[in-house]
Amino acid sequence: MNQSDFLAAALRNPVNTAISDQLFHLRLPDAWIVAGCLVQTVWNGLTNRAPDYGISDYDVFYFDPDTSWQAEDAVIRQLQSQFANLGVKVEVRNQARVHLWYPQKHGLPYPALASSIEGIDRFLTKNTKVGIRRTQDGHDIYAPDGFDDIAGMIVRPNPGLNFSKANYEAKAARWKRLWPEITVLLADAA
């Protein structure tokens, strides 16, 4: 699977397309649709399931140096209103402020980030370290680990400061129930 194949497969889910298009028009700073909603759409295509099968939410990252809760809440409310017609749960997070709440919520360190892609780099699994955003000329795709694990339906731990074996195992178990075709590598492999 190459970049073009991945993008075509991810955008076969009309929700991914709608969110990507809307983020482009809103001009939210450093905004990406990321992670599971992209990968799981690809898995659904590989396994002949409906494009939105098993997707619990659609994650949007953006990066705004205003780290106040009020600013993020305003963006969350705006996007909830914009995406209400999609009938799905959209999770919106300003990556500039994750370090302010993550350690308290999860009990793990989370240094300040400088961009949304740094947030993508911290996902629990390597296969979900992906993001797309629409541009004037098409789409940008961020996938530092490539597409082999996505195409091979392999779930691999992504070790790092905020890696949690328990969270990884819970996420992988949920995915395995929904997509029994996936191969889950042990968290100890991290």
N, C-alpha and C. Protein backbone atom coordinates (compact mmCIF):
# COMPACT_ATOMS: atom_id res chain seq x y z
N MET A 1 0.85 -1.17 0.00
CA MET A 1 0.00 0.00 0.00
C MET A 1 0.90 1.24 0.00
N ASN A 2 0.62 2.15 -0.90
CA ASN A 2 1.36 3.40 -0.93
C ASN A 2 0.46 4.54 -0.45
N GLN A 3 0.99 5.74 -0.49
CA GLN A 3 0.26 6.92 0.01
C GLN A 3 -1.07 7.11 -0.73
N SER A 4 -1.04 6.99 -2.03
CA SER A 4 -2.26 7.19 -2.83
C SER A 4 -3.31 6.13 -2.52
N ASP A 5 -2.87 4.88 -2.37
CA ASP A 5 -3.80 3.79 -2.03
C ASP A 5 -4.43 4.06 -0.66
N PHE A 6 -3.59 4.45 0.30
CA PHE A 6 -4.09 4.72 1.64
C PHE A 6 -5.13 5.84 1.61
N LEU A 7 -4.80 6.94 0.96
CA LEU A 7 -5.71 8.08 0.91
C LEU A 7 -7.04 7.68 0.27
N ALA A 8 -6.98 6.99 -0.85
CA ALA A 8 -8.22 6.57 -1.52
C ALA A 8 -9.05 5.67 -0.62
N ALA A 9 -8.39 4.74 0.08
CA ALA A 9 -9.12 3.83 0.97
C ALA A 9 -9.72 4.57 2.16
N ALA A 10 -8.96 5.51 2.76
CA ALA A 10 -9.45 6.25 3.92
C ALA A 10 -10.61 7.17 3.55
N LEU A 11 -10.57 7.73 2.35
CA LEU A 11 -11.61 8.66 1.93
C LEU A 11 -12.83 7.97 1.34
N ARG A 12 -12.82 6.64 1.29
CA ARG A 12 -14.04 5.94 0.86
C ARG A 12 -15.10 6.03 1.95
N ASN A 13 -14.68 6.42 3.16
CA ASN A 13 -15.63 6.70 4.23
C ASN A 13 -16.08 8.15 4.05
N PRO A 14 -17.34 8.39 3.73
CA PRO A 14 -17.79 9.76 3.48
C PRO A 14 -17.64 10.69 4.69
N VAL A 15 -17.61 10.13 5.89
CA VAL A 15 -17.41 10.96 7.08
C VAL A 15 -15.99 11.52 7.09
N ASN A 16 -15.00 10.68 6.79
CA ASN A 16 -13.62 11.17 6.72
C ASN A 16 -13.50 12.28 5.68
N THR A 17 -14.13 12.09 4.55
CA THR A 17 -14.09 13.10 3.48
C THR A 17 -14.75 14.40 3.94
N ALA A 18 -15.91 14.29 4.56
CA ALA A 18 -16.63 15.49 5.02
C ALA A 18 -15.83 16.25 6.07
N ILE A 19 -15.24 15.53 7.02
CA ILE A 19 -14.44 16.20 8.06
C ILE A 19 -13.22 16.86 7.45
N SER A 20 -12.53 16.15 6.57
CA SER A 20 -11.35 16.71 5.91
C SER A 20 -11.70 17.98 5.13
N ASP A 21 -12.78 17.93 4.39
CA ASP A 21 -13.21 19.10 3.61
C ASP A 21 -13.58 20.27 4.52
N GLN A 22 -14.32 19.98 5.58
CA GLN A 22 -14.76 21.04 6.48
C GLN A 22 -13.58 21.69 7.21
N LEU A 23 -12.62 20.87 7.65
CA LEU A 23 -11.44 21.44 8.32
C LEU A 23 -10.69 22.37 7.38
N PHE A 24 -10.61 22.01 6.11
CA PHE A 24 -9.95 22.86 5.12
C PHE A 24 -10.67 24.21 5.01
N HIS A 25 -11.98 24.17 4.95
CA HIS A 25 -12.74 25.42 4.80
C HIS A 25 -12.72 26.28 6.06
N LEU A 26 -12.63 25.64 7.22
CA LEU A 26 -12.59 26.39 8.49
C LEU A 26 -11.23 27.02 8.76
N ARG A 27 -10.20 26.52 8.10
CA ARG A 27 -8.83 27.02 8.27
C ARG A 27 -8.35 26.97 9.73
N LEU A 28 -8.73 25.93 10.41
CA LEU A 28 -8.25 25.70 11.77
C LEU A 28 -6.75 25.44 11.70
N PRO A 29 -5.94 26.03 12.58
CA PRO A 29 -4.49 25.90 12.45
C PRO A 29 -4.00 24.46 12.65
N ASP A 30 -3.16 24.00 11.71
CA ASP A 30 -2.50 22.70 11.78
C ASP A 30 -3.50 21.58 12.08
N ALA A 31 -4.63 21.59 11.38
CA ALA A 31 -5.72 20.64 11.65
C ALA A 31 -5.61 19.39 10.79
N TRP A 32 -5.77 18.25 11.43
CA TRP A 32 -5.67 16.94 10.79
C TRP A 32 -6.80 16.05 11.28
N ILE A 33 -7.31 15.19 10.42
CA ILE A 33 -8.13 14.07 10.87
C ILE A 33 -7.14 12.91 11.03
N VAL A 34 -7.23 12.20 12.16
CA VAL A 34 -6.14 11.30 12.53
C VAL A 34 -6.64 9.93 13.01
N ALA A 35 -5.73 8.98 12.99
CA ALA A 35 -5.76 7.73 13.74
C ALA A 35 -6.76 6.69 13.28
N GLY A 36 -7.52 6.16 14.25
CA GLY A 36 -8.35 5.00 14.04
C GLY A 36 -9.39 5.13 12.96
N CYS A 37 -10.02 6.28 12.84
CA CYS A 37 -11.07 6.44 11.83
C CYS A 37 -10.51 6.28 10.41
N LEU A 38 -9.25 6.57 10.24
CA LEU A 38 -8.60 6.38 8.94
C LEU A 38 -8.22 4.91 8.75
N VAL A 39 -7.51 4.37 9.73
CA VAL A 39 -7.02 2.99 9.67
C VAL A 39 -8.19 2.01 9.60
N GLN A 40 -9.19 2.22 10.43
CA GLN A 40 -10.31 1.29 10.47
C GLN A 40 -11.13 1.34 9.18
N THR A 41 -11.20 2.49 8.54
CA THR A 41 -11.85 2.56 7.23
C THR A 41 -11.09 1.70 6.23
N VAL A 42 -9.75 1.76 6.28
CA VAL A 42 -8.95 0.92 5.39
C VAL A 42 -9.19 -0.56 5.70
N TRP A 43 -9.16 -0.92 6.99
CA TRP A 43 -9.44 -2.31 7.36
C TRP A 43 -10.79 -2.76 6.85
N ASN A 44 -11.78 -1.87 6.95
CA ASN A 44 -13.13 -2.21 6.49
C ASN A 44 -13.14 -2.50 4.99
N GLY A 45 -12.37 -1.74 4.24
CA GLY A 45 -12.26 -2.01 2.81
C GLY A 45 -11.58 -3.34 2.54
N LEU A 46 -10.53 -3.63 3.30
CA LEU A 46 -9.80 -4.88 3.12
C LEU A 46 -10.64 -6.11 3.48
N THR A 47 -11.60 -5.93 4.38
CA THR A 47 -12.41 -7.05 4.87
C THR A 47 -13.85 -7.00 4.36
N ASN A 48 -14.11 -6.14 3.39
CA ASN A 48 -15.44 -6.02 2.77
C ASN A 48 -16.54 -5.68 3.76
N ARG A 49 -16.24 -4.78 4.67
CA ARG A 49 -17.24 -4.27 5.61
C ARG A 49 -17.63 -2.85 5.19
N ALA A 50 -18.73 -2.37 5.77
CA ALA A 50 -19.15 -0.99 5.51
C ALA A 50 -18.02 -0.05 5.94
N PRO A 51 -17.83 1.07 5.24
CA PRO A 51 -16.71 1.97 5.54
C PRO A 51 -16.65 2.45 6.98
N ASP A 52 -17.80 2.59 7.63
CA ASP A 52 -17.83 3.13 8.99
C ASP A 52 -17.96 2.05 10.08
N TYR A 53 -17.93 0.79 9.70
CA TYR A 53 -18.07 -0.30 10.66
C TYR A 53 -17.05 -0.17 11.79
N GLY A 54 -17.51 -0.27 13.03
CA GLY A 54 -16.64 -0.34 14.20
C GLY A 54 -15.97 0.94 14.64
N ILE A 55 -16.16 2.02 13.92
CA ILE A 55 -15.49 3.28 14.25
C ILE A 55 -16.26 3.97 15.38
N SER A 56 -15.62 4.11 16.53
CA SER A 56 -16.31 4.70 17.69
C SER A 56 -16.30 6.22 17.66
N ASP A 57 -15.26 6.80 17.07
CA ASP A 57 -15.20 8.26 16.97
C ASP A 57 -14.21 8.67 15.89
N TYR A 58 -14.25 9.93 15.58
CA TYR A 58 -13.39 10.53 14.55
C TYR A 58 -12.55 11.59 15.25
N ASP A 59 -11.24 11.42 15.23
CA ASP A 59 -10.34 12.31 15.96
C ASP A 59 -9.81 13.42 15.07
N VAL A 60 -9.89 14.64 15.60
CA VAL A 60 -9.35 15.82 14.93
C VAL A 60 -8.34 16.47 15.86
N PHE A 61 -7.14 16.67 15.35
CA PHE A 61 -6.09 17.40 16.06
C PHE A 61 -5.91 18.75 15.37
N TYR A 62 -5.66 19.75 16.18
CA TYR A 62 -5.24 21.05 15.66
C TYR A 62 -4.23 21.62 16.65
N PHE A 63 -3.55 22.67 16.25
CA PHE A 63 -2.53 23.26 17.12
C PHE A 63 -2.69 24.76 17.15
N ASP A 64 -3.11 25.25 18.32
CA ASP A 64 -3.31 26.69 18.54
C ASP A 64 -2.53 27.07 19.78
N PRO A 65 -1.62 28.03 19.70
CA PRO A 65 -0.83 28.42 20.88
C PRO A 65 -1.66 28.94 22.05
N ASP A 66 -2.93 29.30 21.81
CA ASP A 66 -3.80 29.69 22.93
C ASP A 66 -4.20 28.41 23.66
N THR A 67 -3.58 28.18 24.81
CA THR A 67 -3.79 26.92 25.54
C THR A 67 -4.90 27.03 26.59
N SER A 68 -5.70 28.07 26.52
CA SER A 68 -6.80 28.18 27.49
C SER A 68 -7.89 27.17 27.17
N TRP A 69 -8.55 26.68 28.22
CA TRP A 69 -9.67 25.77 28.02
C TRP A 69 -10.79 26.47 27.25
N GLN A 70 -10.98 27.76 27.51
CA GLN A 70 -12.04 28.50 26.85
C GLN A 70 -11.85 28.50 25.32
N ALA A 71 -10.61 28.66 24.87
CA ALA A 71 -10.36 28.68 23.42
C ALA A 71 -10.61 27.30 22.81
N GLU A 72 -10.13 26.25 23.49
CA GLU A 72 -10.37 24.89 22.96
C GLU A 72 -11.86 24.56 22.99
N ASP A 73 -12.53 24.91 24.05
CA ASP A 73 -13.96 24.64 24.16
C ASP A 73 -14.74 25.34 23.04
N ALA A 74 -14.34 26.54 22.70
CA ALA A 74 -15.01 27.26 21.61
C ALA A 74 -14.84 26.51 20.28
N VAL A 75 -13.64 25.97 20.05
CA VAL A 75 -13.40 25.20 18.82
C VAL A 75 -14.20 23.90 18.85
N ILE A 76 -14.21 23.22 19.99
CA ILE A 76 -14.99 21.97 20.12
C ILE A 76 -16.45 22.24 19.81
N ARG A 77 -17.00 23.30 20.39
CA ARG A 77 -18.42 23.62 20.15
C ARG A 77 -18.69 23.97 18.69
N GLN A 78 -17.77 24.73 18.10
CA GLN A 78 -17.92 25.10 16.69
C GLN A 78 -17.93 23.85 15.81
N LEU A 79 -16.98 22.94 16.06
CA LEU A 79 -16.90 21.75 15.22
C LEU A 79 -18.06 20.79 15.49
N GLN A 80 -18.50 20.70 16.74
CA GLN A 80 -19.67 19.87 17.03
C GLN A 80 -20.87 20.36 16.23
N SER A 81 -21.02 21.67 16.16
CA SER A 81 -22.11 22.25 15.38
C SER A 81 -21.93 21.95 13.89
N GLN A 82 -20.71 22.14 13.39
CA GLN A 82 -20.41 21.90 11.97
C GLN A 82 -20.64 20.45 11.57
N PHE A 83 -20.32 19.51 12.49
CA PHE A 83 -20.38 18.09 12.17
C PHE A 83 -21.63 17.40 12.69
N ALA A 84 -22.55 18.13 13.28
CA ALA A 84 -23.76 17.52 13.86
C ALA A 84 -24.53 16.71 12.83
N ASN A 85 -24.57 17.16 11.60
CA ASN A 85 -25.32 16.47 10.55
C ASN A 85 -24.72 15.12 10.17
N LEU A 86 -23.46 14.85 10.58
CA LEU A 86 -22.82 13.59 10.23
C LEU A 86 -23.31 12.42 11.09
N GLY A 87 -23.86 12.75 12.27
CA GLY A 87 -24.38 11.70 13.14
C GLY A 87 -23.31 10.82 13.76
N VAL A 88 -22.10 11.36 13.95
CA VAL A 88 -21.00 10.61 14.54
C VAL A 88 -20.37 11.43 15.66
N LYS A 89 -19.57 10.77 16.48
CA LYS A 89 -18.84 11.45 17.54
C LYS A 89 -17.50 11.93 16.98
N VAL A 90 -17.26 13.23 17.09
CA VAL A 90 -15.99 13.82 16.65
C VAL A 90 -15.27 14.33 17.88
N GLU A 91 -14.07 13.82 18.12
CA GLU A 91 -13.23 14.24 19.26
C GLU A 91 -12.21 15.25 18.76
N VAL A 92 -12.25 16.44 19.32
CA VAL A 92 -11.38 17.54 18.88
C VAL A 92 -10.44 17.90 20.02
N ARG A 93 -9.13 17.96 19.73
CA ARG A 93 -8.16 18.31 20.77
C ARG A 93 -7.09 19.24 20.22
N ASN A 94 -6.86 20.32 20.98
CA ASN A 94 -5.76 21.23 20.69
C ASN A 94 -4.49 20.60 21.24
N GLN A 95 -3.59 20.22 20.36
CA GLN A 95 -2.36 19.54 20.77
C GLN A 95 -1.41 20.44 21.55
N ALA A 96 -1.62 21.74 21.49
CA ALA A 96 -0.79 22.68 22.25
C ALA A 96 -1.08 22.63 23.74
N ARG A 97 -2.22 22.03 24.12
CA ARG A 97 -2.57 22.03 25.55
C ARG A 97 -2.68 20.64 26.17
N VAL A 98 -2.36 19.58 25.43
CA VAL A 98 -2.49 18.23 25.96
C VAL A 98 -1.61 18.03 27.20
N HIS A 99 -0.43 18.61 27.18
CA HIS A 99 0.49 18.44 28.33
C HIS A 99 -0.08 19.03 29.63
N LEU A 100 -1.09 19.89 29.51
CA LEU A 100 -1.68 20.52 30.70
C LEU A 100 -2.61 19.57 31.46
N TRP A 101 -3.22 18.61 30.78
CA TRP A 101 -4.18 17.72 31.44
C TRP A 101 -3.82 16.24 31.40
N TYR A 102 -2.99 15.83 30.45
CA TYR A 102 -2.70 14.41 30.26
C TYR A 102 -2.07 13.73 31.49
N PRO A 103 -1.03 14.30 32.09
CA PRO A 103 -0.41 13.63 33.24
C PRO A 103 -1.40 13.38 34.39
N GLN A 104 -2.25 14.35 34.66
CA GLN A 104 -3.23 14.18 35.74
C GLN A 104 -4.27 13.12 35.38
N LYS A 105 -4.71 13.11 34.14
CA LYS A 105 -5.75 12.15 33.73
C LYS A 105 -5.20 10.73 33.62
N HIS A 106 -3.98 10.58 33.10
CA HIS A 106 -3.45 9.24 32.81
C HIS A 106 -2.28 8.81 33.69
N GLY A 107 -1.75 9.73 34.51
CA GLY A 107 -0.64 9.38 35.38
C GLY A 107 0.66 9.11 34.65
N LEU A 108 0.80 9.67 33.46
CA LEU A 108 2.00 9.48 32.65
C LEU A 108 2.50 10.84 32.16
N PRO A 109 3.81 10.95 31.94
CA PRO A 109 4.34 12.23 31.47
C PRO A 109 3.89 12.54 30.04
N TYR A 110 3.83 13.81 29.73
CA TYR A 110 3.46 14.24 28.39
C TYR A 110 4.05 15.62 28.16
N PRO A 111 5.28 15.69 27.64
CA PRO A 111 5.90 16.99 27.40
C PRO A 111 5.11 17.84 26.40
N ALA A 112 5.27 19.13 26.49
CA ALA A 112 4.61 20.05 25.57
C ALA A 112 5.01 19.73 24.13
N LEU A 113 4.05 19.90 23.23
CA LEU A 113 4.27 19.63 21.81
C LEU A 113 4.44 20.93 21.05
N ALA A 114 4.99 20.83 19.85
CA ALA A 114 5.17 22.00 19.00
C ALA A 114 4.30 21.96 17.75
N SER A 115 3.57 20.84 17.54
CA SER A 115 2.72 20.71 16.36
C SER A 115 1.76 19.54 16.54
N SER A 116 0.79 19.47 15.67
CA SER A 116 -0.15 18.35 15.70
C SER A 116 0.52 17.03 15.37
N ILE A 117 1.47 17.04 14.45
CA ILE A 117 2.10 15.77 14.09
C ILE A 117 2.90 15.18 15.26
N GLU A 118 3.38 16.02 16.16
CA GLU A 118 4.03 15.48 17.35
C GLU A 118 3.01 14.72 18.21
N GLY A 119 1.76 15.15 18.20
CA GLY A 119 0.70 14.42 18.89
C GLY A 119 0.42 13.09 18.22
N ILE A 120 0.41 13.09 16.89
CA ILE A 120 0.21 11.84 16.14
C ILE A 120 1.31 10.84 16.49
N ASP A 121 2.51 11.33 16.64
CA ASP A 121 3.65 10.46 16.95
C ASP A 121 3.51 9.75 18.29
N ARG A 122 2.62 10.19 19.15
CA ARG A 122 2.48 9.62 20.49
C ARG A 122 1.34 8.62 20.64
N PHE A 123 0.70 8.26 19.55
CA PHE A 123 -0.38 7.27 19.65
C PHE A 123 0.14 5.96 20.21
N LEU A 124 -0.74 5.18 20.82
CA LEU A 124 -0.38 3.89 21.43
C LEU A 124 0.10 2.86 20.42
N THR A 125 -0.41 2.94 19.19
CA THR A 125 -0.06 1.95 18.18
C THR A 125 0.61 2.61 16.99
N LYS A 126 1.58 1.90 16.40
CA LYS A 126 2.27 2.46 15.25
C LYS A 126 1.37 2.57 14.03
N ASN A 127 0.43 1.61 13.88
CA ASN A 127 -0.43 1.64 12.70
C ASN A 127 -1.38 2.84 12.69
N THR A 128 -1.65 3.43 13.86
CA THR A 128 -2.55 4.59 13.89
C THR A 128 -1.79 5.93 13.87
N LYS A 129 -0.49 5.87 13.72
CA LYS A 129 0.29 7.11 13.61
C LYS A 129 0.13 7.67 12.18
N VAL A 130 -1.09 8.10 11.88
CA VAL A 130 -1.40 8.63 10.56
C VAL A 130 -2.35 9.82 10.68
N GLY A 131 -2.25 10.71 9.73
CA GLY A 131 -3.16 11.84 9.65
C GLY A 131 -3.27 12.31 8.22
N ILE A 132 -4.42 12.88 7.90
CA ILE A 132 -4.60 13.51 6.59
C ILE A 132 -5.20 14.89 6.79
N ARG A 133 -4.87 15.77 5.88
CA ARG A 133 -5.53 17.08 5.84
C ARG A 133 -5.61 17.53 4.39
N ARG A 134 -6.73 18.12 4.09
CA ARG A 134 -6.93 18.63 2.74
C ARG A 134 -6.13 19.90 2.57
N THR A 135 -5.60 20.09 1.38
CA THR A 135 -4.84 21.29 1.03
C THR A 135 -5.42 21.87 -0.26
N GLN A 136 -4.88 22.98 -0.66
CA GLN A 136 -5.29 23.61 -1.92
C GLN A 136 -5.05 22.66 -3.10
N ASP A 137 -3.99 21.85 -3.00
CA ASP A 137 -3.59 20.98 -4.12
C ASP A 137 -4.00 19.52 -3.96
N GLY A 138 -4.72 19.18 -2.91
CA GLY A 138 -5.09 17.78 -2.69
C GLY A 138 -5.13 17.46 -1.21
N HIS A 139 -4.20 16.62 -0.75
CA HIS A 139 -4.12 16.25 0.66
C HIS A 139 -2.68 16.09 1.09
N ASP A 140 -2.39 16.48 2.32
CA ASP A 140 -1.15 16.09 2.98
C ASP A 140 -1.45 14.81 3.73
N ILE A 141 -0.47 13.93 3.76
CA ILE A 141 -0.59 12.68 4.51
C ILE A 141 0.63 12.58 5.40
N TYR A 142 0.39 12.32 6.68
CA TYR A 142 1.49 12.10 7.62
C TYR A 142 1.42 10.66 8.08
N ALA A 143 2.45 9.90 7.79
CA ALA A 143 2.51 8.48 8.18
C ALA A 143 3.98 8.11 8.37
N PRO A 144 4.57 8.48 9.51
CA PRO A 144 6.01 8.27 9.69
C PRO A 144 6.44 6.80 9.67
N ASP A 145 5.53 5.88 9.96
CA ASP A 145 5.86 4.46 9.94
C ASP A 145 5.35 3.77 8.68
N GLY A 146 4.88 4.54 7.73
CA GLY A 146 4.42 3.97 6.47
C GLY A 146 3.07 3.28 6.59
N PHE A 147 2.80 2.41 5.64
CA PHE A 147 1.47 1.82 5.52
C PHE A 147 1.47 0.29 5.61
N ASP A 148 2.62 -0.32 5.81
CA ASP A 148 2.69 -1.79 5.83
C ASP A 148 1.84 -2.40 6.93
N ASP A 149 1.91 -1.85 8.15
CA ASP A 149 1.10 -2.39 9.24
C ASP A 149 -0.39 -2.18 9.00
N ILE A 150 -0.74 -1.07 8.38
CA ILE A 150 -2.15 -0.82 8.07
C ILE A 150 -2.64 -1.85 7.05
N ALA A 151 -1.91 -2.00 5.95
CA ALA A 151 -2.29 -2.95 4.90
C ALA A 151 -2.24 -4.39 5.39
N GLY A 152 -1.28 -4.69 6.27
CA GLY A 152 -1.14 -6.04 6.81
C GLY A 152 -2.04 -6.32 8.00
N MET A 153 -2.80 -5.30 8.41
CA MET A 153 -3.72 -5.40 9.56
C MET A 153 -2.97 -5.84 10.82
N ILE A 154 -1.84 -5.19 11.05
CA ILE A 154 -0.99 -5.48 12.21
C ILE A 154 -1.08 -4.34 13.20
N VAL A 155 -1.34 -4.69 14.46
CA VAL A 155 -1.36 -3.71 15.55
C VAL A 155 -0.08 -3.91 16.34
N ARG A 156 0.73 -2.85 16.37
CA ARG A 156 2.06 -2.91 16.97
C ARG A 156 2.17 -1.78 18.00
N PRO A 157 2.74 -2.08 19.18
CA PRO A 157 2.89 -1.02 20.18
C PRO A 157 3.82 0.10 19.70
N ASN A 158 3.55 1.29 20.16
CA ASN A 158 4.38 2.45 19.87
C ASN A 158 4.99 2.93 21.18
N PRO A 159 6.17 2.42 21.52
CA PRO A 159 6.75 2.78 22.82
C PRO A 159 7.09 4.27 22.89
N GLY A 160 6.94 4.81 24.07
CA GLY A 160 7.25 6.22 24.28
C GLY A 160 6.92 6.60 25.71
N LEU A 161 7.14 7.85 26.04
CA LEU A 161 6.91 8.33 27.40
C LEU A 161 5.50 8.07 27.90
N ASN A 162 4.52 8.20 27.03
CA ASN A 162 3.13 8.08 27.48
C ASN A 162 2.52 6.71 27.14
N PHE A 163 3.35 5.73 26.80
CA PHE A 163 2.82 4.40 26.48
C PHE A 163 2.30 3.72 27.73
N SER A 164 1.11 3.14 27.61
CA SER A 164 0.49 2.40 28.70
C SER A 164 0.14 1.01 28.20
N LYS A 165 0.75 0.01 28.78
CA LYS A 165 0.48 -1.37 28.39
C LYS A 165 -1.01 -1.69 28.57
N ALA A 166 -1.59 -1.27 29.68
CA ALA A 166 -3.01 -1.54 29.94
C ALA A 166 -3.90 -0.89 28.88
N ASN A 167 -3.63 0.36 28.54
CA ASN A 167 -4.44 1.05 27.53
C ASN A 167 -4.26 0.41 26.15
N TYR A 168 -3.02 0.02 25.84
CA TYR A 168 -2.75 -0.65 24.56
C TYR A 168 -3.53 -1.96 24.47
N GLU A 169 -3.46 -2.76 25.53
CA GLU A 169 -4.14 -4.05 25.53
C GLU A 169 -5.66 -3.90 25.44
N ALA A 170 -6.22 -2.92 26.12
CA ALA A 170 -7.66 -2.68 26.05
C ALA A 170 -8.08 -2.27 24.64
N LYS A 171 -7.32 -1.36 24.04
CA LYS A 171 -7.63 -0.90 22.68
C LYS A 171 -7.51 -2.06 21.69
N ALA A 172 -6.43 -2.82 21.80
CA ALA A 172 -6.20 -3.94 20.89
C ALA A 172 -7.28 -5.01 21.04
N ALA A 173 -7.72 -5.26 22.27
CA ALA A 173 -8.77 -6.26 22.50
C ALA A 173 -10.08 -5.83 21.86
N ARG A 174 -10.42 -4.55 21.98
CA ARG A 174 -11.64 -4.05 21.34
C ARG A 174 -11.56 -4.22 19.83
N TRP A 175 -10.42 -3.84 19.26
CA TRP A 175 -10.24 -3.97 17.82
C TRP A 175 -10.30 -5.43 17.37
N LYS A 176 -9.70 -6.32 18.14
CA LYS A 176 -9.68 -7.74 17.78
C LYS A 176 -11.11 -8.33 17.76
N ARG A 177 -11.95 -7.86 18.68
CA ARG A 177 -13.35 -8.30 18.67
C ARG A 177 -14.07 -7.84 17.39
N LEU A 178 -13.77 -6.64 16.96
CA LEU A 178 -14.43 -6.08 15.78
C LEU A 178 -13.81 -6.55 14.46
N TRP A 179 -12.49 -6.69 14.45
CA TRP A 179 -11.76 -7.11 13.26
C TRP A 179 -10.91 -8.33 13.63
N PRO A 180 -11.51 -9.51 13.68
CA PRO A 180 -10.75 -10.70 14.10
C PRO A 180 -9.58 -11.01 13.17
N GLU A 181 -9.56 -10.41 12.00
CA GLU A 181 -8.47 -10.63 11.03
C GLU A 181 -7.15 -9.97 11.44
N ILE A 182 -7.19 -9.01 12.35
CA ILE A 182 -5.96 -8.29 12.70
C ILE A 182 -5.00 -9.19 13.49
N THR A 183 -3.74 -8.85 13.41
CA THR A 183 -2.70 -9.48 14.22
C THR A 183 -2.25 -8.47 15.25
N VAL A 184 -2.39 -8.81 16.53
CA VAL A 184 -2.00 -7.92 17.61
C VAL A 184 -0.68 -8.40 18.19
N LEU A 185 0.34 -7.54 18.15
CA LEU A 185 1.62 -7.87 18.76
C LEU A 185 1.55 -7.51 20.24
N LEU A 186 2.23 -8.30 21.05
CA LEU A 186 2.20 -8.10 22.51
C LEU A 186 2.77 -6.74 22.89
N ALA A 187 2.20 -6.16 23.91
CA ALA A 187 2.69 -4.87 24.42
C ALA A 187 4.12 -5.00 24.91
N ASP A 188 4.49 -6.17 25.37
CA ASP A 188 5.86 -6.39 25.86
C ASP A 188 6.89 -6.25 24.74
N ALA A 189 6.43 -6.32 23.50
CA ALA A 189 7.33 -6.14 22.36
C ALA A 189 7.81 -4.68 22.29
N ALA A 190 7.12 -3.78 23.01
CA ALA A 190 7.55 -2.37 23.04
C ALA A 190 8.77 -2.31 23.92
